[in-house]
Amino acid sequence: RGRVERRLGVHHRAHQVGVVSGIDLGQAARLDDLLEVSVYVGRIGRSSMTLNFEVRRKGEEGLVASAHFVLAAVRRDTFETVPVPEELRARLAPYIDEHTK
């Protein structure tokens, strides 16, 4: 199980693999900048979910970078896609960004 599943207390047989990722760079971060990273669930589909990331300098509003990472739920033995487990879906629901629902 992954770190997120362990922290959420989720126990399922599906495995998540990264299938797509992307990053948009905004302002340049400088050496010794203290950065804050916010992570939220952008979308949960039938067999995949999107995690969104926003990076800012501590105490500032402007984005240094934003990124997304799409994870697919797959069987551990065959890597065939499977539905996102209901337990994981329920545990992640509080973290879904209201603007992307």
PDB file of N, CA and C in Angstrom:
ATOM      1  N   ARG A   1       0.843  -1.190   0.000  1.00  0.00           N
ATOM      2  CA  ARG A   1       0.000   0.000   0.000  1.00  0.00           C
ATOM      3  C   ARG A   1       0.873   1.232   0.000  1.00  0.00           C
ATOM      4  N   GLY A   2       0.348   2.284  -0.576  1.00  0.00           N
ATOM      5  CA  GLY A   2       1.075   3.536  -0.617  1.00  0.00           C
ATOM      6  C   GLY A   2       0.952   4.308   0.677  1.00  0.00           C
ATOM      7  N   ARG A   3       1.772   5.324   0.786  1.00  0.00           N
ATOM      8  CA  ARG A   3       1.799   6.157   1.989  1.00  0.00           C
ATOM      9  C   ARG A   3       0.449   6.831   2.239  1.00  0.00           C
ATOM     10  N   VAL A   4      -0.208   7.315   1.169  1.00  0.00           N
ATOM     11  CA  VAL A   4      -1.501   7.982   1.332  1.00  0.00           C
ATOM     12  C   VAL A   4      -2.532   6.998   1.879  1.00  0.00           C
ATOM     13  N   GLU A   5      -2.587   5.797   1.299  1.00  0.00           N
ATOM     14  CA  GLU A   5      -3.549   4.805   1.774  1.00  0.00           C
ATOM     15  C   GLU A   5      -3.299   4.440   3.232  1.00  0.00           C
ATOM     16  N   ARG A   6      -2.041   4.285   3.606  1.00  0.00           N
ATOM     17  CA  ARG A   6      -1.722   3.961   5.006  1.00  0.00           C
ATOM     18  C   ARG A   6      -2.188   5.068   5.939  1.00  0.00           C
ATOM     19  N   ARG A   7      -1.906   6.316   5.556  1.00  0.00           N
ATOM     20  CA  ARG A   7      -2.284   7.456   6.400  1.00  0.00           C
ATOM     21  C   ARG A   7      -3.801   7.574   6.531  1.00  0.00           C
ATOM     22  N   LEU A   8      -4.534   7.268   5.448  1.00  0.00           N
ATOM     23  CA  LEU A   8      -5.997   7.327   5.474  1.00  0.00           C
ATOM     24  C   LEU A   8      -6.617   6.082   6.099  1.00  0.00           C
ATOM     25  N   GLY A   9      -5.811   5.046   6.347  1.00  0.00           N
ATOM     26  CA  GLY A   9      -6.335   3.805   6.918  1.00  0.00           C
ATOM     27  C   GLY A   9      -7.139   2.987   5.927  1.00  0.00           C
ATOM     28  N   VAL A  10      -6.779   3.075   4.643  1.00  0.00           N
ATOM     29  CA  VAL A  10      -7.509   2.370   3.595  1.00  0.00           C
ATOM     30  C   VAL A  10      -6.838   1.031   3.325  1.00  0.00           C
ATOM     31  N   HIS A  11      -7.665  -0.013   3.234  1.00  0.00           N
ATOM     32  CA  HIS A  11      -7.160  -1.365   2.957  1.00  0.00           C
ATOM     33  C   HIS A  11      -7.917  -1.912   1.748  1.00  0.00           C
ATOM     34  N   HIS A  12      -7.240  -2.029   0.624  1.00  0.00           N
ATOM     35  CA  HIS A  12      -7.873  -2.564  -0.575  1.00  0.00           C
ATOM     36  C   HIS A  12      -6.839  -3.322  -1.385  1.00  0.00           C
ATOM     37  N   ARG A  13      -7.312  -4.048  -2.396  1.00  0.00           N
ATOM     38  CA  ARG A  13      -6.418  -4.880  -3.187  1.00  0.00           C
ATOM     39  C   ARG A  13      -5.941  -4.202  -4.465  1.00  0.00           C
ATOM     40  N   ALA A  14      -6.522  -3.065  -4.806  1.00  0.00           N
ATOM     41  CA  ALA A  14      -6.085  -2.358  -6.013  1.00  0.00           C
ATOM     42  C   ALA A  14      -4.783  -1.625  -5.731  1.00  0.00           C
ATOM     43  N   HIS A  15      -4.099  -1.324  -6.776  1.00  0.00           N
ATOM     44  CA  HIS A  15      -2.822  -0.633  -6.706  1.00  0.00           C
ATOM     45  C   HIS A  15      -2.936   0.587  -7.621  1.00  0.00           C
ATOM     46  N   GLN A  16      -2.335   1.717  -7.265  1.00  0.00           N
ATOM     47  CA  GLN A  16      -2.377   2.892  -8.118  1.00  0.00           C
ATOM     48  C   GLN A  16      -1.034   3.079  -8.817  1.00  0.00           C
ATOM     49  N   VAL A  17      -1.111   3.374 -10.105  1.00  0.00           N
ATOM     50  CA  VAL A  17       0.099   3.678 -10.856  1.00  0.00           C
ATOM     51  C   VAL A  17      -0.075   5.025 -11.540  1.00  0.00           C
ATOM     52  N   GLY A  18       0.998   5.786 -11.638  1.00  0.00           N
ATOM     53  CA  GLY A  18       0.955   7.070 -12.319  1.00  0.00           C
ATOM     54  C   GLY A  18       0.911   6.872 -13.816  1.00  0.00           C
ATOM     55  N   VAL A  19      -0.007   7.565 -14.482  1.00  0.00           N
ATOM     56  CA  VAL A  19      -0.111   7.414 -15.928  1.00  0.00           C
ATOM     57  C   VAL A  19       0.126   8.721 -16.675  1.00  0.00           C
ATOM     58  N   VAL A  20      -0.146   9.853 -16.058  1.00  0.00           N
ATOM     59  CA  VAL A  20       0.050  11.155 -16.702  1.00  0.00           C
ATOM     60  C   VAL A  20       0.474  12.137 -15.633  1.00  0.00           C
ATOM     61  N   SER A  21       1.379  13.025 -15.981  1.00  0.00           N
ATOM     62  CA  SER A  21       1.723  14.096 -15.050  1.00  0.00           C
ATOM     63  C   SER A  21       2.063  15.339 -15.865  1.00  0.00           C
ATOM     64  N   GLY A  22       1.960  16.472 -15.217  1.00  0.00           N
ATOM     65  CA  GLY A  22       2.297  17.717 -15.890  1.00  0.00           C
ATOM     66  C   GLY A  22       2.591  18.789 -14.873  1.00  0.00           C
ATOM     67  N   ILE A  23       3.374  19.772 -15.269  1.00  0.00           N
ATOM     68  CA  ILE A  23       3.722  20.868 -14.372  1.00  0.00           C
ATOM     69  C   ILE A  23       3.728  22.171 -15.165  1.00  0.00           C
ATOM     70  N   ASP A  24       3.210  23.216 -14.538  1.00  0.00           N
ATOM     71  CA  ASP A  24       3.258  24.560 -15.102  1.00  0.00           C
ATOM     72  C   ASP A  24       4.090  25.410 -14.158  1.00  0.00           C
ATOM     73  N   LEU A  25       5.137  25.995 -14.687  1.00  0.00           N
ATOM     74  CA  LEU A  25       6.000  26.835 -13.872  1.00  0.00           C
ATOM     75  C   LEU A  25       5.545  28.280 -13.960  1.00  0.00           C
ATOM     76  N   GLY A  26       5.466  28.930 -12.816  1.00  0.00           N
ATOM     77  CA  GLY A  26       5.063  30.332 -12.758  1.00  0.00           C
ATOM     78  C   GLY A  26       6.269  31.181 -12.420  1.00  0.00           C
ATOM     79  N   GLN A  27       6.316  31.647 -11.198  1.00  0.00           N
ATOM     80  CA  GLN A  27       7.440  32.435 -10.715  1.00  0.00           C
ATOM     81  C   GLN A  27       8.602  31.499 -10.378  1.00  0.00           C
ATOM     82  N   ALA A  28       9.794  31.994 -10.510  1.00  0.00           N
ATOM     83  CA  ALA A  28      10.969  31.185 -10.190  1.00  0.00           C
ATOM     84  C   ALA A  28      11.157  31.118  -8.674  1.00  0.00           C
ATOM     85  N   ALA A  29      11.398  29.934  -8.164  1.00  0.00           N
ATOM     86  CA  ALA A  29      11.780  29.780  -6.757  1.00  0.00           C
ATOM     87  C   ALA A  29      13.281  30.015  -6.662  1.00  0.00           C
ATOM     88  N   ARG A  30      13.683  30.606  -5.562  1.00  0.00           N
ATOM     89  CA  ARG A  30      15.097  30.911  -5.366  1.00  0.00           C
ATOM     90  C   ARG A  30      15.660  30.068  -4.223  1.00  0.00           C
ATOM     91  N   LEU A  31      16.947  29.903  -4.223  1.00  0.00           N
ATOM     92  CA  LEU A  31      17.620  29.183  -3.155  1.00  0.00           C
ATOM     93  C   LEU A  31      17.207  29.783  -1.808  1.00  0.00           C
ATOM     94  N   ASP A  32      16.898  28.953  -0.851  1.00  0.00           N
ATOM     95  CA  ASP A  32      16.475  29.332   0.500  1.00  0.00           C
ATOM     96  C   ASP A  32      15.040  29.830   0.585  1.00  0.00           C
ATOM     97  N   ASP A  33      14.259  29.855  -0.520  1.00  0.00           N
ATOM     98  CA  ASP A  33      12.832  30.163  -0.418  1.00  0.00           C
ATOM     99  C   ASP A  33      12.155  29.052   0.383  1.00  0.00           C
ATOM    100  N   LEU A  34      11.282  29.424   1.279  1.00  0.00           N
ATOM    101  CA  LEU A  34      10.478  28.453   2.007  1.00  0.00           C
ATOM    102  C   LEU A  34       9.189  28.272   1.218  1.00  0.00           C
ATOM    103  N   LEU A  35       8.954  27.067   0.724  1.00  0.00           N
ATOM    104  CA  LEU A  35       7.813  26.800  -0.143  1.00  0.00           C
ATOM    105  C   LEU A  35       6.751  25.992   0.587  1.00  0.00           C
ATOM    106  N   GLU A  36       5.497  26.262   0.238  1.00  0.00           N
ATOM    107  CA  GLU A  36       4.362  25.497   0.745  1.00  0.00           C
ATOM    108  C   GLU A  36       3.721  24.774  -0.432  1.00  0.00           C
ATOM    109  N   VAL A  37       3.444  23.487  -0.251  1.00  0.00           N
ATOM    110  CA  VAL A  37       2.812  22.695  -1.296  1.00  0.00           C
ATOM    111  C   VAL A  37       1.434  22.267  -0.803  1.00  0.00           C
ATOM    112  N   SER A  38       0.404  22.621  -1.563  1.00  0.00           N
ATOM    113  CA  SER A  38      -0.964  22.192  -1.273  1.00  0.00           C
ATOM    114  C   SER A  38      -1.316  21.081  -2.251  1.00  0.00           C
ATOM    115  N   VAL A  39      -1.931  20.026  -1.736  1.00  0.00           N
ATOM    116  CA  VAL A  39      -2.331  18.900  -2.571  1.00  0.00           C
ATOM    117  C   VAL A  39      -3.817  18.661  -2.350  1.00  0.00           C
ATOM    118  N   TYR A  40      -4.552  18.500  -3.436  1.00  0.00           N
ATOM    119  CA  TYR A  40      -5.971  18.199  -3.320  1.00  0.00           C
ATOM    120  C   TYR A  40      -6.393  17.291  -4.464  1.00  0.00           C
ATOM    121  N   VAL A  41      -7.505  16.627  -4.288  1.00  0.00           N
ATOM    122  CA  VAL A  41      -8.034  15.725  -5.306  1.00  0.00           C
ATOM    123  C   VAL A  41      -8.818  16.567  -6.303  1.00  0.00           C
ATOM    124  N   GLY A  42      -8.408  16.518  -7.550  1.00  0.00           N
ATOM    125  CA  GLY A  42      -9.105  17.267  -8.586  1.00  0.00           C
ATOM    126  C   GLY A  42     -10.311  16.529  -9.124  1.00  0.00           C
ATOM    127  N   ARG A  43     -10.200  15.204  -9.191  1.00  0.00           N
ATOM    128  CA  ARG A  43     -11.265  14.402  -9.787  1.00  0.00           C
ATOM    129  C   ARG A  43     -11.065  12.946  -9.414  1.00  0.00           C
ATOM    130  N   ILE A  44     -12.176  12.255  -9.191  1.00  0.00           N
ATOM    131  CA  ILE A  44     -12.141  10.798  -9.050  1.00  0.00           C
ATOM    132  C   ILE A  44     -13.092  10.245 -10.094  1.00  0.00           C
ATOM    133  N   GLY A  45     -12.535   9.510 -11.047  1.00  0.00           N
ATOM    134  CA  GLY A  45     -13.341   8.890 -12.099  1.00  0.00           C
ATOM    135  C   GLY A  45     -13.622   7.433 -11.768  1.00  0.00           C
ATOM    136  N   ARG A  46     -14.013   6.669 -12.769  1.00  0.00           N
ATOM    137  CA  ARG A  46     -14.324   5.253 -12.549  1.00  0.00           C
ATOM    138  C   ARG A  46     -13.080   4.472 -12.127  1.00  0.00           C
ATOM    139  N   SER A  47     -11.975   4.661 -12.868  1.00  0.00           N
ATOM    140  CA  SER A  47     -10.778   3.876 -12.575  1.00  0.00           C
ATOM    141  C   SER A  47      -9.527   4.731 -12.414  1.00  0.00           C
ATOM    142  N   SER A  48      -9.715   6.034 -12.280  1.00  0.00           N
ATOM    143  CA  SER A  48      -8.555   6.910 -12.095  1.00  0.00           C
ATOM    144  C   SER A  48      -8.919   8.107 -11.228  1.00  0.00           C
ATOM    145  N   MET A  49      -7.888   8.776 -10.748  1.00  0.00           N
ATOM    146  CA  MET A  49      -8.089  10.009  -9.991  1.00  0.00           C
ATOM    147  C   MET A  49      -6.949  10.960 -10.321  1.00  0.00           C
ATOM    148  N   THR A  50      -7.244  12.249 -10.174  1.00  0.00           N
ATOM    149  CA  THR A  50      -6.260  13.285 -10.448  1.00  0.00           C
ATOM    150  C   THR A  50      -5.923  14.006  -9.155  1.00  0.00           C
ATOM    151  N   LEU A  51      -4.641  14.090  -8.850  1.00  0.00           N
ATOM    152  CA  LEU A  51      -4.166  14.877  -7.718  1.00  0.00           C
ATOM    153  C   LEU A  51      -3.582  16.170  -8.262  1.00  0.00           C
ATOM    154  N   ASN A  52      -3.977  17.296  -7.685  1.00  0.00           N
ATOM    155  CA  ASN A  52      -3.472  18.610  -8.097  1.00  0.00           C
ATOM    156  C   ASN A  52      -2.559  19.168  -7.015  1.00  0.00           C
ATOM    157  N   PHE A  53      -1.520  19.841  -7.445  1.00  0.00           N
ATOM    158  CA  PHE A  53      -0.520  20.409  -6.536  1.00  0.00           C
ATOM    159  C   PHE A  53      -0.367  21.893  -6.842  1.00  0.00           C
ATOM    160  N   GLU A  54      -0.252  22.705  -5.792  1.00  0.00           N
ATOM    161  CA  GLU A  54       0.045  24.126  -5.943  1.00  0.00           C
ATOM    162  C   GLU A  54       1.225  24.457  -5.043  1.00  0.00           C
ATOM    163  N   VAL A  55       2.223  25.133  -5.613  1.00  0.00           N
ATOM    164  CA  VAL A  55       3.433  25.486  -4.868  1.00  0.00           C
ATOM    165  C   VAL A  55       3.499  27.006  -4.772  1.00  0.00           C
ATOM    166  N   ARG A  56       3.641  27.512  -3.553  1.00  0.00           N
ATOM    167  CA  ARG A  56       3.742  28.954  -3.298  1.00  0.00           C
ATOM    168  C   ARG A  56       4.884  29.206  -2.330  1.00  0.00           C
ATOM    169  N   ARG A  57       5.417  30.420  -2.392  1.00  0.00           N
ATOM    170  CA  ARG A  57       6.337  30.843  -1.336  1.00  0.00           C
ATOM    171  C   ARG A  57       5.508  31.040  -0.079  1.00  0.00           C
ATOM    172  N   LYS A  58       6.047  30.655   1.046  1.00  0.00           N
ATOM    173  CA  LYS A  58       5.322  30.776   2.307  1.00  0.00           C
ATOM    174  C   LYS A  58       4.852  32.216   2.511  1.00  0.00           C
ATOM    175  N   GLY A  59       3.552  32.360   2.780  1.00  0.00           N
ATOM    176  CA  GLY A  59       2.969  33.662   3.047  1.00  0.00           C
ATOM    177  C   GLY A  59       2.622  34.482   1.819  1.00  0.00           C
ATOM    178  N   GLU A  60       2.822  33.935   0.624  1.00  0.00           N
ATOM    179  CA  GLU A  60       2.518  34.678  -0.607  1.00  0.00           C
ATOM    180  C   GLU A  60       1.403  33.980  -1.372  1.00  0.00           C
ATOM    181  N   GLU A  61       0.683  34.757  -2.174  1.00  0.00           N
ATOM    182  CA  GLU A  61      -0.443  34.221  -2.947  1.00  0.00           C
ATOM    183  C   GLU A  61      -0.041  33.674  -4.314  1.00  0.00           C
ATOM    184  N   GLY A  62       0.954  34.288  -4.952  1.00  0.00           N
ATOM    185  CA  GLY A  62       1.328  33.902  -6.314  1.00  0.00           C
ATOM    186  C   GLY A  62       1.859  32.479  -6.400  1.00  0.00           C
ATOM    187  N   LEU A  63       1.500  31.795  -7.477  1.00  0.00           N
ATOM    188  CA  LEU A  63       1.966  30.429  -7.684  1.00  0.00           C
ATOM    189  C   LEU A  63       3.400  30.396  -8.197  1.00  0.00           C
ATOM    190  N   VAL A  64       4.216  29.567  -7.588  1.00  0.00           N
ATOM    191  CA  VAL A  64       5.539  29.255  -8.113  1.00  0.00           C
ATOM    192  C   VAL A  64       5.374  28.178  -9.185  1.00  0.00           C
ATOM    193  N   ALA A  65       4.494  27.211  -8.906  1.00  0.00           N
ATOM    194  CA  ALA A  65       4.227  26.133  -9.863  1.00  0.00           C
ATOM    195  C   ALA A  65       2.905  25.470  -9.509  1.00  0.00           C
ATOM    196  N   SER A  66       2.306  24.858 -10.507  1.00  0.00           N
ATOM    197  CA  SER A  66       1.156  23.994 -10.279  1.00  0.00           C
ATOM    198  C   SER A  66       1.407  22.717 -11.075  1.00  0.00           C
ATOM    199  N   ALA A  67       0.849  21.633 -10.598  1.00  0.00           N
ATOM    200  CA  ALA A  67       1.083  20.349 -11.257  1.00  0.00           C
ATOM    201  C   ALA A  67      -0.123  19.452 -11.068  1.00  0.00           C
ATOM    202  N   HIS A  68      -0.198  18.420 -11.868  1.00  0.00           N
ATOM    203  CA  HIS A  68      -1.227  17.395 -11.690  1.00  0.00           C
ATOM    204  C   HIS A  68      -0.602  16.026 -11.938  1.00  0.00           C
ATOM    205  N   PHE A  69      -1.209  15.047 -11.333  1.00  0.00           N
ATOM    206  CA  PHE A  69      -0.725  13.678 -11.432  1.00  0.00           C
ATOM    207  C   PHE A  69      -1.944  12.781 -11.511  1.00  0.00           C
ATOM    208  N   VAL A  70      -2.089  12.031 -12.593  1.00  0.00           N
ATOM    209  CA  VAL A  70      -3.216  11.123 -12.766  1.00  0.00           C
ATOM    210  C   VAL A  70      -2.772   9.723 -12.376  1.00  0.00           C
ATOM    211  N   LEU A  71      -3.539   9.121 -11.483  1.00  0.00           N
ATOM    212  CA  LEU A  71      -3.268   7.759 -11.021  1.00  0.00           C
ATOM    213  C   LEU A  71      -4.371   6.839 -11.508  1.00  0.00           C
ATOM    214  N   ALA A  72      -4.010   5.668 -12.004  1.00  0.00           N
ATOM    215  CA  ALA A  72      -4.990   4.668 -12.428  1.00  0.00           C
ATOM    216  C   ALA A  72      -5.026   3.552 -11.393  1.00  0.00           C
ATOM    217  N   ALA A  73      -6.226   3.073 -11.081  1.00  0.00           N
ATOM    218  CA  ALA A  73      -6.377   1.915 -10.197  1.00  0.00           C
ATOM    219  C   ALA A  73      -6.235   0.656 -11.055  1.00  0.00           C
ATOM    220  N   VAL A  74      -5.327  -0.219 -10.666  1.00  0.00           N
ATOM    221  CA  VAL A  74      -5.070  -1.439 -11.435  1.00  0.00           C
ATOM    222  C   VAL A  74      -4.967  -2.640 -10.510  1.00  0.00           C
ATOM    223  N   ARG A  75      -5.180  -3.820 -11.096  1.00  0.00           N
ATOM    224  CA  ARG A  75      -4.948  -5.071 -10.354  1.00  0.00           C
ATOM    225  C   ARG A  75      -3.447  -5.218 -10.156  1.00  0.00           C
ATOM    226  N   ARG A  76      -3.055  -5.662  -8.984  1.00  0.00           N
ATOM    227  CA  ARG A  76      -1.631  -5.806  -8.684  1.00  0.00           C
ATOM    228  C   ARG A  76      -0.951  -6.856  -9.556  1.00  0.00           C
ATOM    229  N   ASP A  77      -1.670  -7.906  -9.907  1.00  0.00           N
ATOM    230  CA  ASP A  77      -1.030  -9.006 -10.645  1.00  0.00           C
ATOM    231  C   ASP A  77      -1.000  -8.801 -12.156  1.00  0.00           C
ATOM    232  N   THR A  78      -2.019  -8.143 -12.741  1.00  0.00           N
ATOM    233  CA  THR A  78      -2.092  -8.007 -14.194  1.00  0.00           C
ATOM    234  C   THR A  78      -1.986  -6.568 -14.691  1.00  0.00           C
ATOM    235  N   PHE A  79      -2.077  -5.604 -13.796  1.00  0.00           N
ATOM    236  CA  PHE A  79      -2.098  -4.180 -14.126  1.00  0.00           C
ATOM    237  C   PHE A  79      -3.299  -3.811 -15.004  1.00  0.00           C
ATOM    238  N   GLU A  80      -4.336  -4.634 -15.002  1.00  0.00           N
ATOM    239  CA  GLU A  80      -5.590  -4.329 -15.676  1.00  0.00           C
ATOM    240  C   GLU A  80      -6.328  -3.275 -14.846  1.00  0.00           C
ATOM    241  N   THR A  81      -6.928  -2.273 -15.505  1.00  0.00           N
ATOM    242  CA  THR A  81      -7.620  -1.234 -14.744  1.00  0.00           C
ATOM    243  C   THR A  81      -8.846  -1.804 -14.039  1.00  0.00           C
ATOM    244  N   VAL A  82      -9.095  -1.274 -12.850  1.00  0.00           N
ATOM    245  CA  VAL A  82     -10.243  -1.668 -12.028  1.00  0.00           C
ATOM    246  C   VAL A  82     -10.875  -0.385 -11.481  1.00  0.00           C
ATOM    247  N   PRO A  83     -12.111  -0.449 -10.997  1.00  0.00           N
ATOM    248  CA  PRO A  83     -12.716   0.749 -10.401  1.00  0.00           C
ATOM    249  C   PRO A  83     -11.937   1.211  -9.166  1.00  0.00           C
ATOM    250  N   VAL A  84     -11.911   2.532  -8.962  1.00  0.00           N
ATOM    251  CA  VAL A  84     -11.309   3.076  -7.744  1.00  0.00           C
ATOM    252  C   VAL A  84     -12.105   2.493  -6.574  1.00  0.00           C
ATOM    253  N   PRO A  85     -11.435   1.871  -5.607  1.00  0.00           N
ATOM    254  CA  PRO A  85     -12.153   1.254  -4.487  1.00  0.00           C
ATOM    255  C   PRO A  85     -13.030   2.270  -3.742  1.00  0.00           C
ATOM    256  N   GLU A  86     -14.236   1.842  -3.388  1.00  0.00           N
ATOM    257  CA  GLU A  86     -15.190   2.713  -2.692  1.00  0.00           C
ATOM    258  C   GLU A  86     -14.612   3.247  -1.383  1.00  0.00           C
ATOM    259  N   GLU A  87     -13.846   2.430  -0.672  1.00  0.00           N
ATOM    260  CA  GLU A  87     -13.261   2.873   0.591  1.00  0.00           C
ATOM    261  C   GLU A  87     -12.304   4.046   0.361  1.00  0.00           C
ATOM    262  N   LEU A  88     -11.491   3.959  -0.677  1.00  0.00           N
ATOM    263  CA  LEU A  88     -10.565   5.039  -0.996  1.00  0.00           C
ATOM    264  C   LEU A  88     -11.332   6.275  -1.459  1.00  0.00           C
ATOM    265  N   ARG A  89     -12.337   6.071  -2.284  1.00  0.00           N
ATOM    266  CA  ARG A  89     -13.186   7.161  -2.774  1.00  0.00           C
ATOM    267  C   ARG A  89     -13.818   7.919  -1.594  1.00  0.00           C
ATOM    268  N   ALA A  90     -14.347   7.182  -0.622  1.00  0.00           N
ATOM    269  CA  ALA A  90     -14.994   7.797   0.548  1.00  0.00           C
ATOM    270  C   ALA A  90     -13.987   8.561   1.408  1.00  0.00           C
ATOM    271  N   ARG A  91     -12.806   7.999   1.592  1.00  0.00           N
ATOM    272  CA  ARG A  91     -11.789   8.662   2.427  1.00  0.00           C
ATOM    273  C   ARG A  91     -11.223   9.916   1.768  1.00  0.00           C
ATOM    274  N   LEU A  92     -11.193   9.938   0.437  1.00  0.00           N
ATOM    275  CA  LEU A  92     -10.650  11.099  -0.270  1.00  0.00           C
ATOM    276  C   LEU A  92     -11.692  12.187  -0.519  1.00  0.00           C
ATOM    277  N   ALA A  93     -12.967  11.881  -0.348  1.00  0.00           N
ATOM    278  CA  ALA A  93     -14.047  12.839  -0.641  1.00  0.00           C
ATOM    279  C   ALA A  93     -13.844  14.202   0.021  1.00  0.00           C
ATOM    280  N   PRO A  94     -13.398  14.285   1.289  1.00  0.00           N
ATOM    281  CA  PRO A  94     -13.224  15.617   1.891  1.00  0.00           C
ATOM    282  C   PRO A  94     -12.134  16.461   1.225  1.00  0.00           C
ATOM    283  N   TYR A  95     -11.294  15.852   0.420  1.00  0.00           N
ATOM    284  CA  TYR A  95     -10.168  16.562  -0.190  1.00  0.00           C
ATOM    285  C   TYR A  95     -10.403  16.918  -1.657  1.00  0.00           C
ATOM    286  N   ILE A  96     -11.628  16.677  -2.158  1.00  0.00           N
ATOM    287  CA  ILE A  96     -11.925  17.005  -3.554  1.00  0.00           C
ATOM    288  C   ILE A  96     -12.140  18.507  -3.661  1.00  0.00           C
ATOM    289  N   ASP A  97     -11.461  19.122  -4.611  1.00  0.00           N
ATOM    290  CA  ASP A  97     -11.572  20.553  -4.843  1.00  0.00           C
ATOM    291  C   ASP A  97     -12.966  20.864  -5.369  1.00  0.00           C
ATOM    292  N   GLU A  98     -13.672  21.751  -4.700  1.00  0.00           N
ATOM    293  CA  GLU A  98     -15.043  22.108  -5.074  1.00  0.00           C
ATOM    294  C   GLU A  98     -15.136  22.690  -6.490  1.00  0.00           C
ATOM    295  N   HIS A  99     -14.086  23.330  -6.984  1.00  0.00           N
ATOM    296  CA  HIS A  99     -14.116  23.959  -8.294  1.00  0.00           C
ATOM    297  C   HIS A  99     -14.019  22.951  -9.446  1.00  0.00           C
ATOM    298  N   THR A 100     -13.588  21.736  -9.150  1.00  0.00           N
ATOM    299  CA  THR A 100     -13.413  20.752 -10.216  1.00  0.00           C
ATOM    300  C   THR A 100     -14.460  19.663 -10.182  1.00  0.00           C
ATOM    301  N   LYS A 101     -15.423  19.735  -9.255  1.00  0.00           N
ATOM    302  CA  LYS A 101     -16.471  18.704  -9.187  1.00  0.00           C
ATOM    303  C   LYS A 101     -17.400  18.806 -10.372  1.00  0.00           C
TER     304      LYS A 101
END
